Protein backbone atom coordinates (compact mmCIF):
# COMPACT_ATOMS: atom_id res chain seq x y z
CA MET A 1 84.39 4.91 -52.31
CA ALA A 2 87.87 3.52 -52.56
CA ALA A 3 90.84 5.83 -52.80
CA MET A 4 93.49 5.76 -55.44
CA LEU A 5 97.07 5.24 -54.35
CA SER A 6 99.90 5.71 -56.78
CA ALA A 7 103.53 6.57 -56.25
CA SER A 8 105.26 9.30 -58.18
CA THR A 9 108.22 7.05 -58.92
CA ALA A 10 108.55 3.71 -57.16
CA PHE A 11 105.09 2.26 -57.66
CA ALA A 12 103.26 3.51 -60.75
CA SER A 13 99.68 2.42 -61.44
CA ASP A 14 98.63 1.06 -64.81
CA ASN A 15 97.54 4.58 -65.79
CA ALA A 16 100.99 6.00 -65.06
CA ALA A 17 103.21 3.08 -66.12
CA PRO A 18 105.67 3.46 -69.01
CA ALA A 19 104.84 2.14 -72.45
CA HIS A 20 106.03 -1.38 -73.25
CA PRO A 21 109.25 -1.43 -75.34
CA GLU A 22 107.58 -3.44 -78.11
CA VAL A 23 104.86 -0.80 -78.32
CA LEU A 24 107.44 1.94 -78.66
CA GLU A 25 109.21 -0.03 -81.37
CA ALA A 26 105.93 -0.38 -83.25
CA LEU A 27 105.50 3.39 -83.13
CA ARG A 28 108.99 3.84 -84.53
CA ARG A 29 108.22 1.49 -87.42
CA ALA A 30 104.94 3.28 -88.13
CA ASN A 31 106.84 6.54 -88.45
CA ASP A 32 108.58 5.43 -91.66
CA GLY A 33 107.10 7.54 -94.44
CA PRO A 34 103.59 8.82 -95.17
CA VAL A 35 100.45 6.71 -95.40
CA ALA A 36 96.80 7.51 -96.05
CA SER A 37 95.17 9.57 -93.30
CA TYR A 38 92.15 9.10 -90.99
CA GLY A 39 92.63 5.36 -90.55
CA ASP A 40 92.58 4.44 -94.23
CA ASP A 41 95.96 2.75 -93.99
CA PRO A 42 97.29 -0.82 -93.70
CA VAL A 43 98.48 -0.40 -90.10
CA THR A 44 95.00 0.54 -88.88
CA ALA A 45 93.48 -2.29 -90.90
CA ALA A 46 95.92 -4.76 -89.33
CA ALA A 47 95.10 -3.50 -85.84
CA ALA A 48 91.36 -3.82 -86.43
CA ASP A 49 91.83 -7.37 -87.69
CA ALA A 50 93.90 -8.25 -84.62
CA VAL A 51 91.21 -7.02 -82.23
CA LYS A 52 88.46 -8.82 -84.14
CA ARG A 53 90.42 -12.10 -84.14
CA ALA A 54 91.16 -11.84 -80.44
CA PHE A 55 87.46 -11.56 -79.58
CA ASP A 56 86.26 -13.98 -82.26
CA SER A 57 84.21 -11.23 -83.90
CA PRO A 58 84.94 -11.40 -87.65
CA ASP A 59 81.92 -9.27 -88.63
CA ALA A 60 82.64 -6.49 -86.16
CA ASP A 61 83.70 -2.93 -86.88
CA VAL A 62 86.66 -1.51 -84.94
CA LEU A 63 87.36 2.13 -84.12
CA PHE A 64 90.19 3.66 -82.15
CA ALA A 65 90.26 6.54 -79.69
CA PHE A 66 92.96 8.30 -77.70
CA THR A 67 91.42 7.58 -74.28
CA GLY A 68 89.20 5.12 -72.47
CA THR A 69 86.71 7.85 -71.64
CA ALA A 70 86.36 8.67 -75.33
CA ALA A 71 85.90 5.02 -76.21
CA ASN A 72 83.08 4.70 -73.67
CA VAL A 73 81.42 7.96 -74.69
CA ILE A 74 81.56 7.11 -78.39
CA ALA A 75 80.06 3.67 -77.76
CA LEU A 76 77.21 4.90 -75.57
CA ALA A 77 76.40 8.07 -77.51
CA ALA A 78 76.15 6.11 -80.76
CA ALA A 79 73.54 3.82 -79.19
CA ALA A 80 71.33 6.31 -77.38
CA ARG A 81 69.04 9.18 -78.35
CA PRO A 82 67.89 12.00 -76.03
CA TRP A 83 64.75 10.10 -74.95
CA HIS A 84 66.76 7.01 -74.05
CA GLU A 85 68.19 5.77 -70.77
CA ILE A 86 71.71 4.40 -70.27
CA LEU A 87 71.93 1.99 -67.33
CA CYS A 88 75.06 1.19 -65.32
CA SER A 89 76.19 0.21 -61.83
CA ASP A 90 76.30 2.69 -58.97
CA ILE A 91 80.13 2.77 -59.11
CA ALA A 92 80.55 2.66 -62.90
CA HIS A 93 83.36 4.69 -64.41
CA VAL A 94 80.93 6.07 -67.00
CA LEU A 95 78.84 7.42 -64.11
CA VAL A 96 81.37 8.79 -61.61
CA ASP A 97 84.62 9.35 -63.50
CA GLU A 98 83.82 10.74 -66.93
CA ALA A 99 82.49 14.19 -65.99
CA GLY A 100 79.06 13.53 -67.46
CA GLY A 101 80.50 12.83 -70.90
CA PRO A 102 77.97 10.15 -71.93
CA VAL A 103 75.05 12.39 -70.92
CA ARG A 104 76.42 15.44 -72.70
CA LEU A 105 77.13 13.61 -75.95
CA ALA A 106 74.07 11.35 -76.02
CA GLY A 107 71.64 13.69 -74.32
CA ALA A 108 70.25 10.57 -72.66
CA GLN A 109 69.58 9.87 -69.00
CA LEU A 110 72.28 7.94 -67.14
CA THR A 111 70.78 5.77 -64.40
CA ARG A 112 72.66 3.98 -61.63
CA LEU A 113 71.68 0.49 -60.54
CA PRO A 114 72.55 -0.90 -57.09
CA SER A 115 75.37 -3.41 -57.30
CA ASP A 116 77.72 -5.64 -55.35
CA ASP A 117 81.05 -3.90 -55.98
CA GLY A 118 79.92 -3.19 -59.54
CA LEU A 119 78.36 -6.61 -60.19
CA ILE A 120 74.72 -6.06 -61.15
CA ASP A 121 72.05 -8.67 -60.44
CA PRO A 122 70.11 -9.41 -63.66
CA GLU A 123 66.85 -9.17 -61.71
CA VAL A 124 67.74 -5.67 -60.53
CA LEU A 125 68.16 -4.75 -64.17
CA ALA A 126 64.85 -6.37 -65.09
CA ARG A 127 62.88 -4.56 -62.39
CA ARG A 128 64.19 -1.21 -63.61
CA VAL A 129 63.48 -1.89 -67.27
CA LEU A 130 60.04 -3.43 -66.78
CA GLY A 131 58.97 -0.51 -64.59
CA ARG A 132 59.19 2.03 -67.42
CA THR A 133 56.22 3.20 -69.52
CA GLU A 134 56.32 4.14 -73.18
CA VAL A 135 55.87 7.92 -73.04
CA HIS A 136 56.32 9.30 -69.54
CA HIS A 137 59.74 7.83 -68.81
CA SER A 138 63.08 7.75 -70.54
CA GLN A 139 63.31 4.52 -72.49
CA PRO A 140 66.02 2.01 -71.46
CA ARG A 141 68.32 1.50 -74.42
CA ILE A 142 71.73 0.19 -73.34
CA VAL A 143 73.35 -1.12 -70.17
CA SER A 144 77.06 -0.75 -69.45
CA LEU A 145 79.01 -3.19 -67.30
CA THR A 146 82.68 -2.99 -66.37
CA GLN A 147 84.99 -6.00 -66.68
CA PRO A 148 86.61 -6.07 -64.15
CA THR A 149 84.58 -3.65 -62.04
CA GLU A 150 85.82 -0.41 -60.51
CA ASN A 151 86.16 -2.21 -57.17
CA GLY A 152 88.34 -4.91 -58.68
CA ARG A 153 85.72 -7.63 -59.00
CA VAL A 154 85.67 -9.92 -62.04
CA TRP A 155 82.48 -11.01 -63.79
CA THR A 156 82.78 -14.78 -64.21
CA ALA A 157 82.05 -16.14 -67.66
CA PRO A 158 78.70 -17.68 -66.57
CA ALA A 159 77.71 -14.46 -64.76
CA VAL A 160 78.46 -12.18 -67.68
CA ALA A 161 76.73 -14.57 -70.10
CA GLU A 162 73.61 -14.65 -67.91
CA PHE A 163 73.56 -10.88 -67.50
CA VAL A 164 74.03 -10.11 -71.19
CA ASP A 165 71.42 -12.65 -72.24
CA ARG A 166 68.94 -11.21 -69.73
CA ALA A 167 69.61 -7.71 -71.00
CA HIS A 168 68.94 -8.83 -74.56
CA THR A 169 65.64 -10.44 -73.60
CA LEU A 170 64.68 -7.08 -72.09
CA GLY A 171 65.40 -5.38 -75.42
CA LEU A 172 68.63 -3.73 -74.29
CA LEU A 173 71.99 -3.39 -75.96
CA VAL A 174 75.04 -4.22 -73.83
CA HIS A 175 78.28 -2.26 -73.56
CA VAL A 176 81.34 -3.61 -71.79
CA ASP A 177 83.80 -1.10 -70.37
CA GLY A 178 86.93 -3.19 -70.85
CA ALA A 179 89.66 -0.75 -69.88
CA ARG A 180 91.20 -3.67 -67.93
CA VAL A 181 89.50 -6.51 -69.78
CA ALA A 182 92.83 -8.28 -70.38
CA ASN A 183 93.29 -8.55 -66.61
CA ALA A 184 89.86 -10.15 -66.31
CA ILE A 185 90.60 -12.61 -69.12
CA VAL A 186 93.83 -13.72 -67.46
CA SER A 187 92.22 -13.92 -64.02
CA LEU A 188 89.38 -16.07 -65.30
CA GLY A 189 91.50 -18.26 -67.56
CA VAL A 190 88.90 -18.01 -70.33
CA SER A 191 88.89 -16.79 -73.92
CA PRO A 192 88.40 -13.06 -74.58
CA ALA A 193 84.96 -13.79 -76.07
CA GLU A 194 83.88 -15.66 -72.94
CA ALA A 195 84.94 -12.75 -70.72
CA ILE A 196 82.50 -10.37 -72.45
CA GLY A 197 79.64 -12.73 -73.24
CA ASP A 198 77.41 -11.76 -76.16
CA ALA A 199 77.98 -8.02 -75.61
CA ASP A 200 77.12 -5.72 -78.51
CA ILE A 201 79.97 -3.24 -78.12
CA VAL A 202 83.18 -3.31 -76.09
CA SER A 203 85.74 -0.71 -75.09
CA VAL A 204 89.07 -2.55 -75.25
CA GLY A 205 91.76 -1.03 -73.08
CA GLY A 206 95.25 -0.30 -74.33
CA THR A 207 96.41 2.62 -72.21
CA LYS A 208 96.20 0.64 -68.97
CA ASN A 209 97.94 -2.38 -70.46
CA GLY A 210 101.25 -1.22 -71.86
CA MET A 211 100.37 1.31 -74.55
CA LEU A 212 101.47 4.91 -74.65
CA PHE A 213 97.89 5.98 -75.37
CA GLY A 214 94.81 4.63 -77.08
CA ASP A 215 91.82 2.35 -76.63
CA ALA A 216 89.72 0.43 -79.16
CA ILE A 217 85.98 0.15 -79.68
CA LEU A 218 84.86 -3.28 -80.85
CA VAL A 219 81.43 -2.85 -82.48
CA ARG A 220 80.11 -6.41 -82.64
CA ARG A 221 76.69 -5.45 -84.01
CA PRO A 222 77.34 -2.43 -86.24
CA GLU A 223 73.68 -2.23 -87.31
CA HIS A 224 72.79 -0.86 -83.86
CA PHE A 225 75.50 1.83 -83.93
CA ASP A 226 75.09 3.29 -87.40
CA GLY A 227 76.23 6.81 -86.45
CA ILE A 228 79.28 5.79 -84.46
CA HIS A 229 81.84 7.08 -86.97
CA PHE A 230 80.19 10.51 -86.86
CA VAL A 231 80.34 10.53 -83.05
CA GLN A 232 84.02 9.58 -83.19
CA LYS A 233 84.68 12.47 -85.56
CA GLN A 234 82.55 15.00 -83.67
CA ILE A 235 84.42 14.56 -80.40
CA GLY A 236 87.84 14.72 -82.02
CA HIS A 237 88.97 11.10 -81.90
CA LEU A 238 89.32 10.39 -85.61
CA ALA A 239 93.02 11.09 -85.74
CA SER A 240 94.53 12.21 -89.03
CA LYS A 241 97.58 10.05 -88.18
CA HIS A 242 95.48 7.16 -86.93
CA ARG A 243 98.28 4.68 -87.49
CA PHE A 244 100.04 5.83 -84.32
CA ILE A 245 97.18 4.52 -82.19
CA ALA A 246 96.71 1.43 -84.35
CA ALA A 247 100.39 0.46 -84.47
CA GLN A 248 100.39 0.04 -80.71
CA PHE A 249 97.49 -2.40 -80.90
CA VAL A 250 99.28 -4.38 -83.58
CA ALA A 251 102.23 -4.79 -81.20
CA LEU A 252 100.10 -5.43 -78.13
CA PHE A 253 98.00 -8.12 -79.81
CA SER A 254 100.95 -9.86 -81.49
CA GLU A 255 101.82 -13.22 -79.96
CA GLY A 256 99.59 -12.63 -76.96
CA LEU A 257 101.57 -9.71 -75.53
CA TRP A 258 98.40 -8.03 -74.19
CA LEU A 259 97.67 -11.08 -72.02
CA GLN A 260 101.28 -11.40 -70.92
CA THR A 261 101.33 -7.80 -69.70
CA ALA A 262 98.03 -8.35 -67.88
CA ALA A 263 99.33 -11.54 -66.30
CA GLN A 264 102.34 -9.68 -64.89
CA ALA A 265 100.10 -7.00 -63.39
CA ASN A 266 97.78 -9.60 -61.85
CA ALA A 267 100.68 -11.58 -60.42
CA MET A 268 102.12 -8.50 -58.74
CA ALA A 269 98.70 -7.62 -57.31
CA ASP A 270 98.46 -11.12 -55.83
CA ARG A 271 101.90 -10.73 -54.29
CA LEU A 272 101.05 -7.31 -52.90
CA SER A 273 97.73 -8.52 -51.54
CA ALA A 274 99.41 -11.39 -49.71
CA GLY A 275 102.03 -9.04 -48.32
CA LEU A 276 99.46 -6.59 -46.99
CA THR A 277 97.48 -9.31 -45.24
CA GLY A 278 100.76 -10.62 -43.88
CA LEU A 279 101.21 -7.24 -42.20
CA GLY A 280 97.91 -7.78 -40.43
CA LEU A 281 95.91 -5.43 -42.63
CA ARG A 282 92.37 -6.12 -43.77
CA LEU A 283 91.57 -6.10 -47.46
CA ALA A 284 88.45 -4.14 -48.36
CA GLY A 285 87.62 -6.66 -51.07
CA PRO A 286 89.05 -9.71 -52.82
CA THR A 287 91.99 -9.26 -55.19
CA GLU A 288 90.69 -10.69 -58.47
CA ALA A 289 92.68 -8.78 -61.10
CA ASN A 290 95.38 -6.09 -60.81
CA GLU A 291 93.82 -3.88 -58.11
CA VAL A 292 94.27 -4.22 -54.36
CA PHE A 293 91.99 -2.45 -51.88
CA VAL A 294 93.22 -2.24 -48.30
CA GLU A 295 92.02 -0.52 -45.14
CA LEU A 296 94.41 1.93 -43.47
CA ASP A 297 93.68 4.02 -40.40
CA THR A 298 94.05 7.78 -40.54
CA GLY A 299 97.52 7.89 -38.99
CA ALA A 300 98.95 5.20 -41.26
CA HIS A 301 97.36 6.87 -44.26
CA ARG A 302 98.93 10.22 -43.34
CA ARG A 303 102.39 8.72 -42.88
CA LEU A 304 102.16 6.74 -46.11
CA ALA A 305 101.14 9.91 -47.94
CA GLY A 306 104.56 11.32 -47.06
CA ARG A 307 106.11 8.89 -49.54
CA TYR A 308 103.30 8.25 -52.01
CA LEU A 309 100.77 10.36 -53.84
CA VAL A 310 97.66 9.14 -52.07
CA HIS A 311 94.19 10.23 -53.12
CA GLN A 312 91.34 9.31 -50.81
CA PRO A 313 87.97 10.60 -52.06
CA ASP A 314 86.11 9.26 -49.01
CA PRO A 315 88.38 9.42 -45.95
CA GLY A 316 85.59 8.02 -43.81
CA GLU A 317 86.06 4.58 -45.35
CA GLN A 318 89.84 4.57 -44.76
CA VAL A 319 90.45 2.54 -47.90
CA VAL A 320 93.27 3.01 -50.40
CA ARG A 321 93.78 1.29 -53.72
CA PHE A 322 96.99 -0.05 -55.22
CA VAL A 323 96.97 -0.74 -58.97
CA CYS A 324 99.72 -2.90 -60.43
CA SER A 325 100.86 -2.60 -64.03
CA TRP A 326 102.76 -4.65 -66.58
CA ALA A 327 105.89 -2.82 -65.40
CA THR A 328 105.43 -3.51 -61.67
CA THR A 329 108.27 -5.66 -60.33
CA ASP A 330 108.93 -7.71 -57.22
CA ASP A 331 111.16 -4.88 -56.01
CA ASP A 332 108.33 -2.37 -56.49
CA VAL A 333 106.01 -4.54 -54.42
CA ALA A 334 108.64 -5.00 -51.73
CA GLY A 335 109.20 -1.24 -51.61
CA ALA A 336 105.50 -0.55 -51.28
CA LEU A 337 105.19 -3.10 -48.48
CA ASP A 338 108.15 -1.55 -46.68
CA ALA A 339 106.49 1.86 -46.92
CA VAL A 340 103.23 0.50 -45.57
CA ARG A 341 105.01 -1.35 -42.77
CA GLU A 342 106.80 1.85 -41.72
CA SER A 343 103.51 3.74 -41.72
CA LEU A 344 101.80 1.35 -39.32
């Protein structure tokens, strides 16, 4: 399992980066007087329209949550019942990084599928689904894929289209964990709709892409998620002042800002990746979005940890992860490379 590397000051990951100035200005504007509560306001309506337009989903429903974990849990729990099975990759965030939230809220079984850095072979999915009986096993209901994956891999447009179509032929719904979906869109050079295929529901990241807080849930087939608003309310993510989440999405989706911020993060990851290989280090995987995985020996890791907050869940693999954000600069990358160079 790859480790997470983030600096306390000089090199902040997309989770720790500051909010974009235009997002903060949108929050200031939204703070001008009272409006209707619980999302029944023009700012929330405008944000929902912006997300639907971006993904070419005019008939979709859009909800907002404070966190990416909540967005994923709401999406999956609204689809599944206690006798159902939620399928995902063996490194999926919903499996290893959400403290069992989907299982607790849905009461459904969460099953890992073997993958290639989070990329699931459609035939692996098919073998699992077709091997279930009607009464004695949990019934496969929805499969979650991450775009890009937790190991930084991007599902190409043809690959995601093939996978989603195969899932549908197997009678499954498809959820896309899109906490960094903007980075995948920019990396692929495709439309947002092409990056998610014919997925039924999508968690659209905001927190990791320049917002202060907040993620969206794009419900492309609302008829399959009829209780989703109740799930959102039950777990405390129907904010009374919903406009303060929504206003950020209005700013982020105006004039393509969400793709501009993602492009900056990706560009800095490319620069960092090239710099690390230039130091003679071996990447643990290709740099396809805004994450860089690099191998460091124990001594270098220990010395680097003197300057950076380095988390390494599996020291045996000697892999650390850099995550670039919209706010990462050339100077930040140069500083990180200097620190790595000194640690070698």
